[in-house]
Protein backbone atom coordinates (compact mmCIF):
# COMPACT_ATOMS: atom_id res chain seq x y z
CA UNK A 1 0.30 -0.03 0.13
CA UNK A 2 1.10 3.61 -0.67
CA UNK A 3 1.86 5.27 2.67
CA UNK A 4 1.64 8.67 1.35
CA UNK A 5 -1.47 10.80 2.92
CA UNK A 6 -3.22 12.30 -0.17
CA UNK A 7 -5.37 14.92 -0.75
CA UNK A 8 -8.96 14.20 -0.94
CA UNK A 9 -9.42 15.21 -4.52
CA UNK A 10 -7.04 12.32 -5.25
CA UNK A 11 -9.22 9.84 -4.13
CA UNK A 12 -11.44 8.29 -6.73
CA UNK A 13 -15.19 8.95 -6.39
CA UNK A 14 -15.86 5.07 -6.09
CA UNK A 15 -13.98 5.00 -2.74
CA UNK A 16 -15.92 8.03 -1.29
CA UNK A 17 -19.24 7.71 0.31
CA UNK A 18 -22.64 8.85 -1.53
CA UNK A 19 -24.20 11.11 1.04
CA UNK A 20 -27.18 11.52 -1.57
CA UNK A 21 -29.37 9.23 0.89
CA UNK A 22 -29.16 12.35 3.17
CA UNK A 23 -28.96 15.40 0.72
CA UNK A 24 -27.94 15.41 -3.06
CA UNK A 25 -25.53 18.20 -2.26
CA UNK A 26 -24.85 21.24 0.25
CA UNK A 27 -27.31 23.34 -1.57
CA UNK A 28 -30.14 21.09 -0.91
CA UNK A 29 -28.81 20.57 2.56
CA UNK A 30 -28.99 24.33 3.19
CA UNK A 31 -32.51 24.69 2.15
CA UNK A 32 -33.42 21.96 4.59
CA UNK A 33 -31.67 23.64 7.10
CA UNK A 34 -33.41 27.01 6.64
CA UNK A 35 -36.75 25.53 7.06
CA UNK A 36 -36.40 23.69 10.25
CA UNK A 37 -36.35 26.73 12.48
CA UNK A 38 -40.15 27.19 12.07
CA UNK A 39 -40.80 23.66 12.95
CA UNK A 40 -38.81 24.12 15.98
CA UNK A 41 -40.97 27.06 16.98
CA UNK A 42 -44.12 24.94 16.19
CA UNK A 43 -43.05 21.96 18.63
CA UNK A 44 -42.56 24.71 21.28
CA UNK A 45 -46.38 25.56 21.25
CA UNK A 46 -46.89 22.37 23.02
CA UNK A 47 -45.54 23.81 26.14
CA UNK A 48 -47.87 23.94 29.05
CA UNK A 49 -50.23 21.55 27.29
CA UNK A 50 -48.72 18.21 28.01
CA UNK A 51 -51.41 17.09 30.81
CA UNK A 52 -53.36 14.24 28.99
CA UNK A 53 -52.29 11.11 27.02
CA UNK A 54 -53.70 12.30 23.66
CA UNK A 55 -51.84 15.43 23.87
CA UNK A 56 -48.50 13.66 24.91
CA UNK A 57 -48.88 11.26 22.31
CA UNK A 58 -49.21 13.90 19.62
CA UNK A 59 -46.16 15.64 20.84
CA UNK A 60 -44.09 12.42 20.71
CA UNK A 61 -45.15 11.94 17.05
CA UNK A 62 -44.20 15.48 16.30
CA UNK A 63 -40.82 15.19 18.16
CA UNK A 64 -40.09 12.22 16.55
CA UNK A 65 -40.58 13.60 13.23
CA UNK A 66 -38.57 16.84 13.68
CA UNK A 67 -35.66 14.96 15.44
CA UNK A 68 -35.62 12.71 12.09
CA UNK A 69 -35.19 15.85 9.84
CA UNK A 70 -32.71 17.18 12.45
CA UNK A 71 -30.66 13.82 12.18
CA UNK A 72 -30.46 13.93 8.70
CA UNK A 73 -28.93 17.52 8.89
CA UNK A 74 -26.55 16.89 11.72
CA UNK A 75 -25.36 13.59 10.07
CA UNK A 76 -24.64 15.10 6.71
CA UNK A 77 -22.83 18.08 8.30
CA UNK A 78 -20.78 15.82 10.46
CA UNK A 79 -19.84 13.40 7.74
CA UNK A 80 -18.89 16.45 5.51
CA UNK A 81 -16.73 17.61 8.38
CA UNK A 82 -14.99 14.19 8.88
CA UNK A 83 -14.04 14.21 5.06
CA UNK A 84 -11.47 16.85 5.85
CA UNK A 85 -11.22 18.63 9.28
CA UNK A 86 -9.43 21.66 7.66
CA UNK A 87 -12.14 22.33 5.14
CA UNK A 88 -13.60 25.80 6.18
CA UNK A 89 -17.06 25.36 4.14
CA UNK A 90 -17.44 21.86 6.00
CA UNK A 91 -16.60 23.56 9.43
CA UNK A 92 -19.24 26.23 8.66
CA UNK A 93 -21.92 23.78 7.77
CA UNK A 94 -21.32 21.73 10.93
CA UNK A 95 -21.23 24.80 13.19
CA UNK A 96 -24.57 26.24 11.71
CA UNK A 97 -26.25 22.65 12.14
CA UNK A 98 -25.05 22.28 15.51
CA UNK A 99 -26.51 25.55 16.54
CA UNK A 100 -29.82 24.52 15.13
CA UNK A 101 -29.44 21.06 16.79
CA UNK A 102 -28.99 22.86 20.17
CA UNK A 103 -32.03 25.19 19.35
CA UNK A 104 -34.26 22.01 18.98
CA UNK A 105 -32.71 20.44 21.97
CA UNK A 106 -33.60 23.59 23.93
CA UNK A 107 -37.10 24.01 22.33
CA UNK A 108 -37.91 20.30 23.27
CA UNK A 109 -36.13 20.49 26.94
CA UNK A 110 -39.64 21.31 28.69
CA UNK A 111 -41.23 18.30 27.32
CA UNK A 112 -39.72 15.65 29.94
CA UNK A 113 -39.94 17.59 32.99
CA UNK A 114 -43.21 18.74 32.25
CA UNK A 115 -44.67 15.20 31.62
CA UNK A 116 -42.76 14.17 34.78
CA UNK A 117 -44.45 16.74 36.83
CA UNK A 118 -47.61 15.05 36.80
CA UNK A 119 -48.39 13.03 39.62
CA UNK A 120 -46.98 9.11 39.48
CA UNK A 121 -50.57 7.84 39.66
CA UNK A 122 -51.50 9.70 36.75
CA UNK A 123 -48.53 8.86 34.75
CA UNK A 124 -49.08 5.12 35.40
CA UNK A 125 -52.78 5.47 34.24
CA UNK A 126 -51.72 7.27 31.14
CA UNK A 127 -49.37 4.45 30.25
CA UNK A 128 -52.35 1.89 29.94
CA UNK A 129 -54.23 4.84 27.83
CA UNK A 130 -54.71 3.54 24.20
CA UNK A 131 -53.70 6.84 22.91
CA UNK A 132 -50.18 5.99 24.06
CA UNK A 133 -50.12 2.50 23.22
CA UNK A 134 -47.14 2.91 20.69
CA UNK A 135 -45.02 4.85 23.46
CA UNK A 136 -45.46 2.78 26.38
CA UNK A 137 -41.75 1.93 26.75
CA UNK A 138 -41.01 5.31 26.17
CA UNK A 139 -43.28 6.20 29.15
CA UNK A 140 -41.68 3.43 31.22
CA UNK A 141 -38.10 4.94 30.57
CA UNK A 142 -39.62 8.32 31.57
CA UNK A 143 -40.95 7.05 34.71
CA UNK A 144 -37.51 5.80 35.74
CA UNK A 145 -36.22 9.33 35.22
CA UNK A 146 -38.59 11.17 37.43
CA UNK A 147 -36.57 11.46 40.55
CA UNK A 148 -33.46 12.90 38.46
CA UNK A 149 -35.60 15.52 36.32
CA UNK A 150 -35.52 19.21 37.43
CA UNK A 151 -38.16 21.66 36.85
CA UNK A 152 -39.15 22.75 33.20
CA UNK A 153 -37.27 26.20 33.36
CA UNK A 154 -34.03 24.43 35.07
CA UNK A 155 -34.11 21.90 32.25
CA UNK A 156 -34.25 24.61 29.58
CA UNK A 157 -31.52 26.51 31.28
CA UNK A 158 -29.45 23.28 31.04
CA UNK A 159 -30.35 22.53 27.50
CA UNK A 160 -28.96 26.28 26.50
CA UNK A 161 -25.62 25.07 27.55
CA UNK A 162 -25.73 21.87 25.47
CA UNK A 163 -23.39 23.41 23.00
CA UNK A 164 -20.87 24.67 25.28
CA UNK A 165 -20.78 21.15 27.24
CA UNK A 166 -19.65 19.79 23.74
CA UNK A 167 -16.77 22.18 23.42
CA UNK A 168 -14.18 20.21 25.01
CA UNK A 169 -14.48 17.21 22.98
CA UNK A 170 -14.62 19.37 20.07
CA UNK A 171 -11.64 21.46 21.02
CA UNK A 172 -9.58 18.33 21.63
CA UNK A 173 -10.66 16.72 18.20
CA UNK A 174 -9.81 19.91 16.38
CA UNK A 175 -6.32 20.09 18.20
CA UNK A 176 -5.67 16.47 17.42
CA UNK A 177 -6.92 15.96 13.88
CA UNK A 178 -6.18 19.52 12.39
CA UNK A 179 -3.67 21.33 14.33
CA UNK A 180 -0.95 19.47 15.84
CA UNK A 181 2.08 18.71 13.67
CA UNK A 182 4.57 15.87 14.26
CA UNK A 183 8.35 15.70 13.22
CA UNK A 184 9.22 13.13 10.79
CA UNK A 185 10.16 9.76 11.84
CA UNK A 186 13.20 8.00 10.41
CA UNK A 187 13.62 4.18 9.29
CA UNK A 188 16.12 1.89 9.60
CA UNK A 189 17.90 3.44 6.60
CA UNK A 190 17.83 6.90 7.78
CA UNK A 191 15.17 8.04 5.53
CA UNK A 192 12.43 10.51 6.54
CA UNK A 193 8.85 9.29 7.13
CA UNK A 194 5.74 11.49 7.67
CA UNK A 195 3.96 10.97 10.88
CA UNK A 196 0.33 11.83 11.55
CA UNK A 197 -2.82 10.60 13.27
CA UNK A 198 -4.15 8.68 10.37
CA UNK A 199 -0.77 6.71 9.73
CA UNK A 200 0.57 6.41 13.35
CA UNK A 201 -0.73 2.88 13.94
CA UNK A 202 0.39 1.69 10.64
CA UNK A 203 3.94 2.95 11.27
CA UNK A 204 3.63 1.12 14.89
CA UNK A 205 2.86 -2.06 12.82
CA UNK A 206 5.85 -1.74 10.67
CA UNK A 207 8.29 -4.49 10.90
CA UNK A 208 11.09 -1.81 10.87
CA UNK A 209 11.85 -1.34 14.67
CA UNK A 210 14.00 1.68 14.14
CA UNK A 211 10.89 3.26 12.42
CA UNK A 212 8.36 2.23 15.15
CA UNK A 213 10.72 3.60 17.85
CA UNK A 214 11.32 6.99 15.94
CA UNK A 215 7.46 7.50 15.21
CA UNK A 216 6.66 6.75 18.65
CA UNK A 217 8.94 9.32 20.03
CA UNK A 218 7.86 11.76 17.40
CA UNK A 219 4.24 11.38 18.15
CA UNK A 220 4.49 11.39 21.63
CA UNK A 221 6.87 14.43 21.82
CA UNK A 222 4.06 16.29 20.12
CA UNK A 223 1.52 15.23 22.77
CA UNK A 224 3.82 15.79 25.68
CA UNK A 225 4.03 19.73 24.13
CA UNK A 226 0.26 19.93 24.18
CA UNK A 227 -0.56 17.78 27.33
CA UNK A 228 -1.63 20.86 29.48
CA UNK A 229 -4.15 21.93 26.93
CA UNK A 230 -5.29 18.45 26.44
CA UNK A 231 -5.41 17.84 30.24
CA UNK A 232 -7.44 20.96 30.57
CA UNK A 233 -10.03 19.96 27.95
CA UNK A 234 -10.41 16.51 29.51
CA UNK A 235 -10.72 17.89 33.12
CA UNK A 236 -13.43 20.35 31.99
CA UNK A 237 -15.20 17.16 30.24
CA UNK A 238 -15.07 15.27 33.67
CA UNK A 239 -16.04 18.11 35.48
CA UNK A 240 -19.01 18.69 33.19
CA UNK A 241 -20.17 15.20 33.73
CA UNK A 242 -19.76 15.32 37.45
CA UNK A 243 -21.82 18.35 37.81
CA UNK A 244 -24.41 17.27 35.75
CA UNK A 245 -24.61 14.29 37.87
CA UNK A 246 -24.89 15.92 41.19
CA UNK A 247 -27.28 18.61 39.78
CA UNK A 248 -29.55 15.78 38.86
CA UNK A 249 -29.18 13.70 41.93
CA UNK A 250 -27.05 10.76 40.80
CA UNK A 251 -24.75 9.13 43.28
CA UNK A 252 -21.73 9.63 40.69
CA UNK A 253 -21.29 10.24 36.84
CA UNK A 254 -20.54 6.71 36.37
CA UNK A 255 -24.06 5.94 37.83
CA UNK A 256 -25.86 8.62 35.76
CA UNK A 257 -24.33 7.23 32.38
CA UNK A 258 -25.14 3.67 33.18
CA UNK A 259 -28.46 4.14 34.57
CA UNK A 260 -29.59 5.75 31.23
CA UNK A 261 -29.40 2.09 29.55
CA UNK A 262 -30.83 0.71 32.83
CA UNK A 263 -27.55 -1.14 33.44
CA UNK A 264 -26.85 -1.70 37.21
CA UNK A 265 -23.18 -0.45 38.42
CA UNK A 266 -22.41 -3.73 39.23
CA UNK A 267 -21.99 -4.80 35.81
CA UNK A 268 -19.27 -2.33 35.28
CA UNK A 269 -17.52 -3.23 38.60
CA UNK A 270 -17.98 -6.85 37.70
CA UNK A 271 -16.15 -6.42 34.38
CA UNK A 272 -13.33 -4.84 36.24
CA UNK A 273 -13.07 -7.49 38.86
CA UNK A 274 -13.29 -10.29 36.27
CA UNK A 275 -10.57 -9.03 33.99
CA UNK A 276 -8.30 -8.52 36.93
CA UNK A 277 -8.78 -12.36 37.90
CA UNK A 278 -7.75 -13.01 34.14
CA UNK A 279 -4.77 -10.58 34.07
CA UNK A 280 -2.16 -13.42 34.20
CA UNK A 281 -3.36 -14.37 30.61
CA UNK A 282 -2.64 -10.82 29.24
CA UNK A 283 0.93 -10.99 30.95
CA UNK A 284 1.57 -14.64 29.47
CA UNK A 285 0.74 -12.87 26.10
CA UNK A 286 3.07 -9.86 26.56
CA UNK A 287 5.66 -12.54 27.24
CA UNK A 288 5.10 -14.40 24.25
CA UNK A 289 5.19 -11.32 22.21
CA UNK A 290 8.77 -10.57 23.88
CA UNK A 291 9.70 -14.26 23.03
CA UNK A 292 8.68 -14.36 19.32
CA UNK A 293 10.24 -11.02 18.38
CA UNK A 294 13.60 -12.14 20.05
CA UNK A 295 13.97 -8.97 22.09
CA UNK A 296 15.79 -8.29 25.40
CA UNK A 297 13.28 -5.58 26.12
CA UNK A 298 9.87 -5.26 24.89
CA UNK A 299 8.72 -1.69 24.78
CA UNK A 300 5.33 -0.08 23.72
CA UNK A 301 6.35 0.46 20.38
CA UNK A 302 6.69 -3.45 19.92
CA UNK A 303 2.90 -4.15 20.83
CA UNK A 304 1.20 -3.83 17.48
CA UNK A 305 4.16 -5.01 15.01
CA UNK A 306 3.20 -8.52 13.53
CA UNK A 307 4.69 -11.57 15.33
CA UNK A 308 5.30 -13.47 11.86
CA UNK A 309 6.23 -10.74 9.48
CA UNK A 310 7.18 -13.25 6.69
CA UNK A 311 3.77 -14.29 6.38
CA UNK A 312 1.60 -11.19 6.72
CA UNK A 313 -0.84 -10.79 3.68
CA UNK A 314 -1.69 -7.25 1.92
CA UNK A 315 -5.42 -6.98 0.94
CA UNK A 316 -6.80 -4.80 -1.66
CA UNK A 317 -9.96 -3.33 -1.07
CA UNK A 318 -11.67 -5.64 -3.42
CA UNK A 319 -10.07 -8.57 -1.60
CA UNK A 320 -11.46 -7.15 1.57
CA UNK A 321 -15.12 -6.92 0.19
CA UNK A 322 -15.02 -10.72 -0.88
CA UNK A 323 -13.41 -11.95 2.30
CA UNK A 324 -15.95 -10.19 4.60
CA UNK A 325 -18.88 -11.48 2.52
CA UNK A 326 -17.53 -15.08 2.73
CA UNK A 327 -17.00 -14.71 6.40
CA UNK A 328 -20.54 -13.49 7.12
CA UNK A 329 -22.18 -16.10 4.99
CA UNK A 330 -23.21 -18.05 8.06
CA UNK A 331 -25.64 -15.04 8.99
CA UNK A 332 -27.73 -15.88 5.78
CA UNK A 333 -28.26 -14.50 2.20
CA UNK A 334 -30.68 -11.74 3.55
CA UNK A 335 -27.70 -10.27 5.80
CA UNK A 336 -25.16 -10.70 3.16
CA UNK A 337 -27.21 -9.17 0.25
CA UNK A 338 -27.41 -5.99 2.34
CA UNK A 339 -23.62 -6.12 3.00
CA UNK A 340 -22.98 -6.36 -0.73
CA UNK A 341 -25.38 -3.39 -1.29
CA UNK A 342 -23.18 -1.47 1.04
CA UNK A 343 -20.13 -2.00 -1.03
CA UNK A 344 -21.86 -1.43 -4.38
CA UNK A 345 -23.73 1.61 -3.42
CA UNK A 346 -20.92 3.45 -1.75
CA UNK A 347 -22.03 3.54 2.07
CA UNK A 348 -18.31 3.31 2.66
CA UNK A 349 -15.45 6.28 2.70
CA UNK A 350 -12.48 3.91 2.37
CA UNK A 351 -9.11 5.60 2.06
CA UNK A 352 -7.17 8.12 4.45
CA UNK A 353 -6.79 11.56 3.07
CA UNK A 354 -5.19 14.47 4.26
CA UNK A 355 -7.44 16.23 7.01
CA UNK A 356 -9.88 13.06 7.22
CA UNK A 357 -10.76 12.13 10.55
CA UNK A 358 -8.92 9.40 11.97
CA UNK A 359 -10.19 6.08 13.08
CA UNK A 360 -13.53 4.40 11.70
CA UNK A 361 -16.93 4.58 12.76
CA UNK A 362 -20.49 3.76 11.27
CA UNK A 363 -23.02 6.56 11.07
CA UNK A 364 -26.36 7.28 9.35
CA UNK A 365 -30.00 7.98 10.10
CA UNK A 366 -33.47 6.42 10.28
CA UNK A 367 -34.09 7.75 6.77
CA UNK A 368 -30.89 7.27 5.20
CA UNK A 369 -28.55 4.27 4.51
CA UNK A 370 -25.83 3.63 6.99
CA UNK A 371 -22.43 5.38 6.59
CA UNK A 372 -19.04 3.78 7.03
CA UNK A 373 -15.85 5.83 7.76
CA UNK A 374 -12.78 4.07 7.67
CA UNK A 375 -8.89 4.62 6.65
CA UNK A 376 -8.11 1.48 4.72
CA UNK A 377 -4.46 0.64 4.82
CA UNK A 378 -4.26 -2.93 3.20
CA UNK A 379 -3.63 -4.98 6.60
CA UNK A 380 -5.96 -7.57 7.99
CA UNK A 381 -6.65 -4.99 10.71
CA UNK A 382 -7.91 -2.60 8.36
CA UNK A 383 -10.03 -5.49 6.60
CA UNK A 384 -11.28 -6.60 10.20
CA UNK A 385 -12.05 -2.70 11.01
CA UNK A 386 -14.46 -2.65 7.82
CA UNK A 387 -16.21 -5.92 8.98
CA UNK A 388 -16.54 -4.49 12.37
CA UNK A 389 -18.08 -1.18 11.29
CA UNK A 390 -20.22 -3.26 9.06
CA UNK A 391 -21.75 -4.94 12.12
CA UNK A 392 -22.78 -1.54 13.39
CA UNK A 393 -24.42 -0.84 10.14
CA UNK A 394 -26.18 -3.78 9.71
CA UNK A 395 -27.50 -3.40 13.45
CA UNK A 396 -28.81 0.05 12.59
CA UNK A 397 -30.23 -1.02 9.17
CA UNK A 398 -32.19 -4.00 10.72
CA UNK A 399 -33.35 -1.78 13.65
CA UNK A 400 -34.67 0.70 11.51
CA UNK A 401 -36.38 -1.86 9.15
CA UNK A 402 -38.11 -3.59 12.05
CA UNK A 403 -38.75 -0.79 14.44
CA UNK A 404 -40.65 2.65 14.33
CA UNK A 405 -38.32 5.51 14.35
CA UNK A 406 -38.82 6.19 17.99
CA UNK A 407 -37.43 2.75 18.91
CA UNK A 408 -34.93 2.28 16.29
CA UNK A 409 -32.03 3.53 18.05
CA UNK A 410 -30.12 0.81 20.35
CA UNK A 411 -28.33 1.68 23.38
CA UNK A 412 -24.63 2.24 23.59
CA UNK A 413 -24.26 -0.95 25.92
CA UNK A 414 -25.47 -3.37 22.99
CA UNK A 415 -23.73 -1.32 20.36
CA UNK A 416 -20.41 -3.27 20.05
CA UNK A 417 -21.91 -6.63 19.96
CA UNK A 418 -22.70 -6.94 16.19
CA UNK A 419 -19.83 -5.30 15.18
CA UNK A 420 -17.58 -7.84 16.98
CA UNK A 421 -19.52 -10.83 15.84
CA UNK A 422 -18.39 -9.66 12.56
CA UNK A 423 -14.77 -9.70 13.55
CA UNK A 424 -15.11 -13.17 15.17
CA UNK A 425 -16.66 -14.89 12.26
CA UNK A 426 -13.95 -13.11 10.10
CA UNK A 427 -11.03 -14.56 12.14
CA UNK A 428 -12.62 -17.70 12.69
CA UNK A 429 -13.12 -18.07 8.92
CA UNK A 430 -9.38 -17.51 8.24
CA UNK A 431 -8.17 -19.78 11.06
CA UNK A 432 -10.67 -22.54 9.75
CA UNK A 433 -8.62 -22.59 6.66
CA UNK A 434 -5.20 -21.93 7.44
CA UNK A 435 -2.78 -24.91 8.00
CA UNK A 436 0.49 -23.42 7.66
CA UNK A 437 2.09 -23.03 11.27
CA UNK A 438 3.49 -19.61 10.53
CA UNK A 439 0.55 -18.26 8.90
CA UNK A 440 -1.63 -19.83 11.68
CA UNK A 441 0.54 -18.23 14.31
CA UNK A 442 -0.11 -14.70 12.47
CA UNK A 443 -3.75 -15.36 12.47
CA UNK A 444 -3.68 -16.29 16.45
CA UNK A 445 -1.92 -13.39 16.94
CA UNK A 446 -4.62 -11.21 15.25
CA UNK A 447 -7.27 -12.97 17.31
CA UNK A 448 -5.18 -12.49 20.54
CA UNK A 449 -4.75 -8.56 19.47
CA UNK A 450 -8.70 -8.31 19.22
CA UNK A 451 -9.16 -9.64 22.70
CA UNK A 452 -6.04 -7.14 24.00
CA UNK A 453 -7.30 -4.49 22.27
CA UNK A 454 -11.20 -4.74 23.06
CA UNK A 455 -11.34 -6.59 26.47
CA UNK A 456 -8.27 -6.02 28.27
CA UNK A 457 -7.32 -2.24 26.91
CA UNK A 458 -10.77 -1.00 26.88
CA UNK A 459 -11.19 -2.22 30.52
CA UNK A 460 -8.11 -0.63 31.23
CA UNK A 461 -9.72 2.66 29.75
CA UNK A 462 -12.87 2.08 31.61
CA UNK A 463 -10.73 1.72 34.62
CA UNK A 464 -8.86 5.04 34.01
CA UNK A 465 -12.18 6.88 33.54
CA UNK A 466 -13.41 5.31 36.64
CA UNK A 467 -10.51 6.75 38.53
CA UNK A 468 -10.46 10.06 36.70
CA UNK A 469 -14.40 10.72 37.84
CA UNK A 470 -13.92 9.64 41.09
CA UNK A 471 -10.81 12.02 41.62
CA UNK A 472 -13.03 15.02 40.30
CA UNK A 473 -15.68 14.01 42.67
CA UNK A 474 -13.38 14.12 45.59
CA UNK A 475 -12.48 17.50 44.85
CA UNK A 476 -8.93 16.52 43.27
CA UNK A 477 -7.36 18.58 40.43
CA UNK A 478 -6.98 16.62 37.37
CA UNK A 479 -3.81 18.01 36.56
CA UNK A 480 -1.35 16.55 33.61
CA UNK A 481 0.92 14.82 36.13
CA UNK A 482 -2.20 13.42 38.11
CA UNK A 483 -3.56 12.13 35.01
CA UNK A 484 -0.48 10.76 33.57
CA UNK A 485 0.53 9.05 36.77
CA UNK A 486 -2.86 7.19 37.09
CA UNK A 487 -2.56 5.99 33.35
CA UNK A 488 1.05 5.03 33.83
CA UNK A 489 0.19 2.74 36.85
CA UNK A 490 -2.59 1.12 34.92
CA UNK A 491 -0.37 0.14 32.03
CA UNK A 492 2.19 -1.44 34.21
CA UNK A 493 -0.76 -3.32 35.91
CA UNK A 494 -2.24 -4.53 32.55
CA UNK A 495 0.81 -5.45 30.63
CA UNK A 496 2.87 -6.86 33.35
CA UNK A 497 6.62 -6.96 34.13
CA UNK A 498 7.83 -8.09 30.50
CA UNK A 499 6.94 -4.60 29.09
CA UNK A 500 9.63 -2.10 29.62
CA UNK A 501 8.05 1.27 30.34
CA UNK A 502 8.80 4.41 28.22
CA UNK A 503 8.26 7.71 29.66
CA UNK A 504 6.07 8.65 26.48
CA UNK A 505 3.40 5.91 27.58
CA UNK A 506 1.98 7.96 30.21
CA UNK A 507 0.68 10.58 27.89
CA UNK A 508 -1.51 8.09 25.66
CA UNK A 509 -4.72 9.00 27.83
CA UNK A 510 -4.62 12.32 25.98
CA UNK A 511 -5.16 10.87 22.40
CA UNK A 512 -8.38 8.55 23.27
CA UNK A 513 -11.31 10.38 21.91
CA UNK A 514 -13.65 8.20 23.79
CA UNK A 515 -12.87 9.63 26.87
CA UNK A 516 -15.05 12.73 25.88
CA UNK A 517 -18.00 10.35 25.64
CA UNK A 518 -18.02 9.39 29.58
CA UNK A 519 -18.12 5.65 30.24
CA UNK A 520 -18.58 4.52 26.66
CA UNK A 521 -15.41 2.35 26.61
CA UNK A 522 -16.48 -0.52 28.72
CA UNK A 523 -19.36 -1.55 26.45
CA UNK A 524 -16.39 -2.65 24.04
CA UNK A 525 -15.37 -4.93 26.55
CA UNK A 526 -18.81 -6.19 27.76
CA UNK A 527 -19.73 -6.27 23.94
CA UNK A 528 -17.05 -8.47 22.95
CA UNK A 529 -17.49 -10.82 25.56
CA UNK A 530 -20.90 -11.09 24.39
CA UNK A 531 -20.10 -11.39 20.79
CA UNK A 532 -17.56 -14.27 21.58
CA UNK A 533 -20.57 -16.27 22.93
CA UNK A 534 -22.90 -15.37 20.28
CA UNK A 535 -20.16 -15.92 17.33
CA UNK A 536 -19.68 -19.21 18.96
CA UNK A 537 -23.49 -20.11 19.02
CA UNK A 538 -23.77 -19.27 15.35
CA UNK A 539 -20.76 -21.26 14.14
CA UNK A 540 -21.97 -24.31 16.42
CA UNK A 541 -25.68 -24.30 16.41
CA UNK A 542 -26.32 -22.73 13.13
CA UNK A 543 -29.82 -21.59 12.05
CA UNK A 544 -31.51 -21.49 15.39
CA UNK A 545 -28.66 -19.26 16.88
CA UNK A 546 -28.81 -17.06 13.71
CA UNK A 547 -32.46 -16.66 14.16
CA UNK A 548 -32.16 -15.35 17.66
CA UNK A 549 -29.36 -13.05 16.78
CA UNK A 550 -31.13 -11.24 13.99
CA UNK A 551 -34.15 -10.86 16.16
CA UNK A 552 -31.71 -9.10 18.83
CA UNK A 553 -30.34 -7.12 15.81
CA UNK A 554 -33.89 -5.81 14.90
CA UNK A 555 -35.01 -4.97 18.37
CA UNK A 556 -33.26 -1.59 18.38
CA UNK A 557 -34.25 0.29 21.55
CA UNK A 558 -37.53 -1.40 21.99
CA UNK A 559 -36.63 -2.87 25.29
CA UNK A 560 -33.94 -2.51 27.83
CA UNK A 561 -30.37 -3.97 26.79
CA UNK A 562 -29.81 -6.55 29.11
CA UNK A 563 -33.27 -8.10 28.25
CA UNK A 564 -32.30 -7.92 24.50
CA UNK A 565 -29.06 -9.74 25.38
CA UNK A 566 -30.83 -12.61 27.31
CA UNK A 567 -33.22 -12.87 24.00
CA UNK A 568 -29.96 -13.72 21.97
CA UNK A 569 -28.82 -16.14 24.77
CA UNK A 570 -26.30 -14.12 26.89
CA UNK A 571 -26.91 -12.91 30.54
CA UNK A 572 -24.52 -10.05 31.46
CA UNK A 573 -26.06 -9.90 35.05
CA UNK A 574 -23.41 -12.59 35.76
CA UNK A 575 -19.50 -12.86 34.96
CA UNK A 576 -20.19 -15.78 32.96
CA UNK A 577 -19.85 -14.24 29.45
CA UNK A 578 -16.64 -12.27 30.60
CA UNK A 579 -15.00 -15.56 32.08
CA UNK A 580 -16.17 -17.49 28.83
CA UNK A 581 -14.40 -14.79 26.56
CA UNK A 582 -11.48 -14.59 28.55
CA UNK A 583 -11.03 -18.44 28.80
CA UNK A 584 -11.26 -18.29 24.99
CA UNK A 585 -8.51 -15.83 24.96
CA UNK A 586 -6.33 -18.26 27.34
CA UNK A 587 -7.14 -21.38 24.76
CA UNK A 588 -6.06 -19.04 21.92
CA UNK A 589 -2.89 -18.03 23.76
CA UNK A 590 -2.17 -21.74 24.53
CA UNK A 591 -2.30 -22.83 20.91
CA UNK A 592 -0.15 -19.90 20.00
CA UNK A 593 2.54 -20.87 22.57
CA UNK A 594 2.26 -24.60 21.53
CA UNK A 595 3.10 -23.50 17.80
CA UNK A 596 6.06 -21.27 19.19
CA UNK A 597 7.49 -23.94 20.83
CA UNK A 598 7.16 -26.20 17.79
CA UNK A 599 8.79 -23.70 15.67
CA UNK A 600 11.79 -23.28 18.33
CA UNK A 601 11.17 -19.92 19.34
């Protein structure tokens, strides 16, 4: 693959997403944006009238319709911005849309507290009223928020601060994606190599250790130079969450976030406890990596390079499409036909370009097709990333197809399940066909990396978040030194004695964008654990397991997430799924260790 970061106009159209299912072009978008303000004013006319079931049902219908339109606008503006974060026009579109979205959010802020100001007996009676039959679960969730809802005036005041509360994440994102500049790295021959957010992990995956170390030093030199600003943005984000929780009467910011999905705090705590119980397996993996790479010292810049470089394959985008379709075939033709359409109809923005947002995500709205942003580099990991994001997109697609708009959005807690099932089906397909020991060891390493990155690493992130928020709740100042010290200790705990700690590692927390969405990362770990169980069921039980799984994907947000997962066959109110996942990790690790022994490493 060409490691040069191209400008967007150098990328062929077939590899860019087609946003026409949202709006044909910027002009059509602008027309729709100009019309929404009148509708925002119209919905405000319900204020003071939400006292009976019929009126409340009418309000819910109007609100759903208006947010559908606003979601289309916001999604389009955000995707245009992500294409090139340095594009002034895209930045302007996004800013104007965010302002309108906040106006809508503010205009509808009265509804929830107004409804919840009614007596509990009245609300319970309303839930059984025929007029609200399509919104009973909506009402049930509202009732759970009653004790944490402020007066209408107070809610409106908080809503007016919505755009401001998003500022820390926006500032850090712009700093990292658009403003930060990195010194060139040098490879083993002394040649300069460009370093940036988009190619950093690719450089860290290089077999050239001199390049890995040089890019590592360059990358974190820049983060260290900006660490005071990044600590200030993150500290503000944490304080915002802590303050909101306190105002609403929650015991903690963590309790506020988990309660939104009706998830008991002990699910979060049980994850941390169970992963710590299995920490020995992670330390064994670090030891195996040191051994296979034949290093006297294993450094942080050695954690992503392939263990068996001679057998690493490079995939074209066409290869990736074919492989993904074959891997997902156990889910049935109806599923794979939609995936085929996603490739053909340009749901995906494929390659890196200058200014493009890093990483990958799935987006879209109830009325559009899903969209996937990725930065494809030809590695197996980037193939797996497309499979992962396709899982998100298929979850959204099937939920929108099966559910009304107000129940189509699934919760964050189940958001990573479908994506990781796809990843697991991909790696299991490759393992089922590979007999060569070196190639098999490479695939086993990829599997282990998925576990490391999604269970162990995300749990480490979750523990960092928990600690940082608890520090703020105790009134402690989140200084760069304090945050870096917490992160450094966690890295030592999770990676063990065989990792030689570099000073730069302690600054890594500053580059994790998910920290600006409080208490989100833990769902990667619970989701992966669930996905291990589900993908095993799909492979072993076939059609009956697929049927339950696809039903789960079609449930959207129509019931609570733990109940949805139970329907699919997994119970996360126990440590069982986490234990099962990490037992699988241990068994994959054992096979990798056995092959290493046989090959004489």
